[in-house]
Amino acid sequence: RIDAPQRAHAVERALEAPEPAQVQPPLRTKLSTTQLRSRKDELYRRVQRRCVDSRMRRTIKIAVRVAPTGAVQAASVIGGMASTKLGRCVRRQAEQLEFAATQEGGFYNYTVRIR
């Protein structure tokens, strides 16, 4: 049997304690090299499936700006391949990447070598 003061104290503790589902781990300040490498691998797979239609050999450099939420804010091709069909396709595929959420987001350059 619980008396009134103990019951009131138990209710206060229950109100103060967050539920386990509401507790979020702290965000990293920036992405790890493993995460960046895995997104580069995903970009290669996307480009091979959707952009390459023959046996071409090209190198495309792409700059990706990532928001703190992990979504790509902007992607742009660096250099002369920006106005080509392949360059536009690589840019579209890079815009669809999803990164892990971080405190600051980031700006990353990738070199995609199509062989």
C-alpha atoms as a PDB file:
ATOM      1  CA  ARG A   1       0.000   0.000   0.000  1.00  0.00           C
ATOM      2  CA  ILE A   2       1.398   3.420  -1.055  1.00  0.00           C
ATOM      3  CA  ASP A   3       0.446   6.481   0.957  1.00  0.00           C
ATOM      4  CA  ALA A   4      -0.279   9.894  -0.641  1.00  0.00           C
ATOM      5  CA  PRO A   5       3.212  11.530  -0.308  1.00  0.00           C
ATOM      6  CA  GLN A   6       4.955   8.509  -1.835  1.00  0.00           C
ATOM      7  CA  ARG A   7       2.429   8.385  -4.657  1.00  0.00           C
ATOM      8  CA  ALA A   8       2.916  12.100  -5.409  1.00  0.00           C
ATOM      9  CA  HIS A   9       6.696  11.638  -5.474  1.00  0.00           C
ATOM     10  CA  ALA A  10       6.382   8.663  -7.866  1.00  0.00           C
ATOM     11  CA  VAL A  11       4.154  10.698 -10.195  1.00  0.00           C
ATOM     12  CA  GLU A  12       6.682  13.593 -10.208  1.00  0.00           C
ATOM     13  CA  ARG A  13       9.557  11.226 -11.088  1.00  0.00           C
ATOM     14  CA  ALA A  14       7.498   9.681 -13.888  1.00  0.00           C
ATOM     15  CA  LEU A  15       6.799  13.124 -15.330  1.00  0.00           C
ATOM     16  CA  GLU A  16      10.463  14.167 -15.180  1.00  0.00           C
ATOM     17  CA  ALA A  17      11.958  11.033 -16.729  1.00  0.00           C
ATOM     18  CA  PRO A  18      11.890  11.004 -20.536  1.00  0.00           C
ATOM     19  CA  GLU A  19      10.570   7.966 -22.268  1.00  0.00           C
ATOM     20  CA  PRO A  20      13.215   5.706 -23.866  1.00  0.00           C
ATOM     21  CA  ALA A  21      11.919   6.401 -27.391  1.00  0.00           C
ATOM     22  CA  GLN A  22      12.352  10.158 -26.900  1.00  0.00           C
ATOM     23  CA  VAL A  23      16.019  10.001 -25.937  1.00  0.00           C
ATOM     24  CA  GLN A  24      18.176  10.634 -29.004  1.00  0.00           C
ATOM     25  CA  PRO A  25      21.908   9.987 -29.214  1.00  0.00           C
ATOM     26  CA  PRO A  26      24.051  13.092 -29.652  1.00  0.00           C
ATOM     27  CA  LEU A  27      24.812  14.021 -33.245  1.00  0.00           C
ATOM     28  CA  ARG A  28      28.326  13.756 -34.620  1.00  0.00           C
ATOM     29  CA  THR A  29      29.997  16.971 -35.622  1.00  0.00           C
ATOM     30  CA  LYS A  30      30.971  15.600 -39.043  1.00  0.00           C
ATOM     31  CA  LEU A  31      30.701  12.434 -41.108  1.00  0.00           C
ATOM     32  CA  SER A  32      33.237   9.672 -40.698  1.00  0.00           C
ATOM     33  CA  THR A  33      35.397   8.477 -43.575  1.00  0.00           C
ATOM     34  CA  THR A  34      33.542   5.160 -43.540  1.00  0.00           C
ATOM     35  CA  GLN A  35      30.223   6.928 -44.104  1.00  0.00           C
ATOM     36  CA  LEU A  36      31.700   9.060 -46.880  1.00  0.00           C
ATOM     37  CA  ARG A  37      33.209   6.011 -48.576  1.00  0.00           C
ATOM     38  CA  SER A  38      29.928   4.085 -48.406  1.00  0.00           C
ATOM     39  CA  ARG A  39      28.063   6.994 -50.033  1.00  0.00           C
ATOM     40  CA  LYS A  40      30.717   7.142 -52.752  1.00  0.00           C
ATOM     41  CA  ASP A  41      30.202   3.431 -53.399  1.00  0.00           C
ATOM     42  CA  GLU A  42      26.450   4.035 -53.592  1.00  0.00           C
ATOM     43  CA  LEU A  43      27.037   6.885 -56.063  1.00  0.00           C
ATOM     44  CA  TYR A  44      29.166   4.565 -58.247  1.00  0.00           C
ATOM     45  CA  ARG A  45      26.375   1.952 -58.282  1.00  0.00           C
ATOM     46  CA  ARG A  46      23.738   4.552 -59.170  1.00  0.00           C
ATOM     47  CA  VAL A  47      25.867   5.984 -61.993  1.00  0.00           C
ATOM     48  CA  GLN A  48      26.642   2.548 -63.434  1.00  0.00           C
ATOM     49  CA  ARG A  49      22.933   1.621 -63.454  1.00  0.00           C
ATOM     50  CA  ARG A  50      21.412   4.865 -64.670  1.00  0.00           C
ATOM     51  CA  CYS A  51      24.009   6.957 -66.489  1.00  0.00           C
ATOM     52  CA  VAL A  52      26.396   4.679 -68.375  1.00  0.00           C
ATOM     53  CA  ASP A  53      24.997   3.159 -71.546  1.00  0.00           C
ATOM     54  CA  SER A  54      28.183   2.113 -73.323  1.00  0.00           C
ATOM     55  CA  ARG A  55      31.826   1.363 -72.649  1.00  0.00           C
ATOM     56  CA  MET A  56      32.887   4.895 -71.839  1.00  0.00           C
ATOM     57  CA  ARG A  57      35.945   5.935 -69.897  1.00  0.00           C
ATOM     58  CA  ARG A  58      35.457   9.225 -68.090  1.00  0.00           C
ATOM     59  CA  THR A  59      36.383  10.934 -64.846  1.00  0.00           C
ATOM     60  CA  ILE A  60      33.888  13.324 -63.318  1.00  0.00           C
ATOM     61  CA  LYS A  61      34.499  15.429 -60.228  1.00  0.00           C
ATOM     62  CA  ILE A  62      31.425  16.364 -58.244  1.00  0.00           C
ATOM     63  CA  ALA A  63      30.969  18.642 -55.231  1.00  0.00           C
ATOM     64  CA  VAL A  64      28.214  17.765 -52.753  1.00  0.00           C
ATOM     65  CA  ARG A  65      26.877  20.077 -50.025  1.00  0.00           C
ATOM     66  CA  VAL A  66      25.141  18.170 -47.212  1.00  0.00           C
ATOM     67  CA  ALA A  67      22.650  19.732 -44.784  1.00  0.00           C
ATOM     68  CA  PRO A  68      22.792  18.900 -41.055  1.00  0.00           C
ATOM     69  CA  THR A  69      19.762  16.649 -41.582  1.00  0.00           C
ATOM     70  CA  GLY A  70      21.783  14.436 -43.941  1.00  0.00           C
ATOM     71  CA  ALA A  71      19.969  15.447 -47.111  1.00  0.00           C
ATOM     72  CA  VAL A  72      21.976  16.776 -50.057  1.00  0.00           C
ATOM     73  CA  GLN A  73      21.385  20.526 -50.407  1.00  0.00           C
ATOM     74  CA  ALA A  74      23.259  20.902 -53.679  1.00  0.00           C
ATOM     75  CA  ALA A  75      25.449  18.913 -56.042  1.00  0.00           C
ATOM     76  CA  SER A  76      27.471  20.297 -58.909  1.00  0.00           C
ATOM     77  CA  VAL A  77      29.917  18.902 -61.421  1.00  0.00           C
ATOM     78  CA  ILE A  78      33.349  20.520 -61.316  1.00  0.00           C
ATOM     79  CA  GLY A  79      35.073  21.015 -64.656  1.00  0.00           C
ATOM     80  CA  GLY A  80      34.146  20.563 -68.281  1.00  0.00           C
ATOM     81  CA  MET A  81      31.717  17.658 -67.909  1.00  0.00           C
ATOM     82  CA  ALA A  82      28.995  19.790 -66.257  1.00  0.00           C
ATOM     83  CA  SER A  83      27.064  20.496 -69.443  1.00  0.00           C
ATOM     84  CA  THR A  84      27.155  16.937 -70.814  1.00  0.00           C
ATOM     85  CA  LYS A  85      24.397  14.366 -70.515  1.00  0.00           C
ATOM     86  CA  LEU A  86      26.659  12.200 -68.338  1.00  0.00           C
ATOM     87  CA  GLY A  87      27.542  15.126 -66.066  1.00  0.00           C
ATOM     88  CA  ARG A  88      23.886  16.031 -65.543  1.00  0.00           C
ATOM     89  CA  CYS A  89      23.024  12.403 -64.803  1.00  0.00           C
ATOM     90  CA  VAL A  90      25.831  12.064 -62.236  1.00  0.00           C
ATOM     91  CA  ARG A  91      24.675  15.297 -60.568  1.00  0.00           C
ATOM     92  CA  ARG A  92      21.083  14.002 -60.317  1.00  0.00           C
ATOM     93  CA  GLN A  93      22.295  10.734 -58.796  1.00  0.00           C
ATOM     94  CA  ALA A  94      24.443  12.599 -56.254  1.00  0.00           C
ATOM     95  CA  GLU A  95      21.444  14.728 -55.233  1.00  0.00           C
ATOM     96  CA  GLN A  96      19.577  11.558 -54.251  1.00  0.00           C
ATOM     97  CA  LEU A  97      22.194  10.373 -51.752  1.00  0.00           C
ATOM     98  CA  GLU A  98      21.305  10.322 -48.049  1.00  0.00           C
ATOM     99  CA  PHE A  99      23.971  10.940 -45.433  1.00  0.00           C
ATOM    100  CA  ALA A 100      23.811  10.531 -41.660  1.00  0.00           C
ATOM    101  CA  ALA A 101      22.605  13.554 -39.688  1.00  0.00           C
ATOM    102  CA  THR A 102      25.386  15.682 -38.215  1.00  0.00           C
ATOM    103  CA  GLN A 103      25.611  18.933 -36.292  1.00  0.00           C
ATOM    104  CA  GLU A 104      27.218  20.911 -39.104  1.00  0.00           C
ATOM    105  CA  GLY A 105      26.520  19.106 -42.359  1.00  0.00           C
ATOM    106  CA  GLY A 106      29.439  19.420 -44.748  1.00  0.00           C
ATOM    107  CA  PHE A 107      30.890  19.937 -48.179  1.00  0.00           C
ATOM    108  CA  TYR A 108      32.527  16.979 -49.936  1.00  0.00           C
ATOM    109  CA  ASN A 109      34.180  16.403 -53.292  1.00  0.00           C
ATOM    110  CA  TYR A 110      33.983  13.059 -55.045  1.00  0.00           C
ATOM    111  CA  THR A 111      35.857  11.866 -58.106  1.00  0.00           C
ATOM    112  CA  VAL A 112      33.807   9.336 -60.072  1.00  0.00           C
ATOM    113  CA  ARG A 113      35.928   7.262 -62.434  1.00  0.00           C
ATOM    114  CA  ILE A 114      33.909   5.391 -65.023  1.00  0.00           C
ATOM    115  CA  ARG A 115      35.942   2.531 -66.454  1.00  0.00           C
END
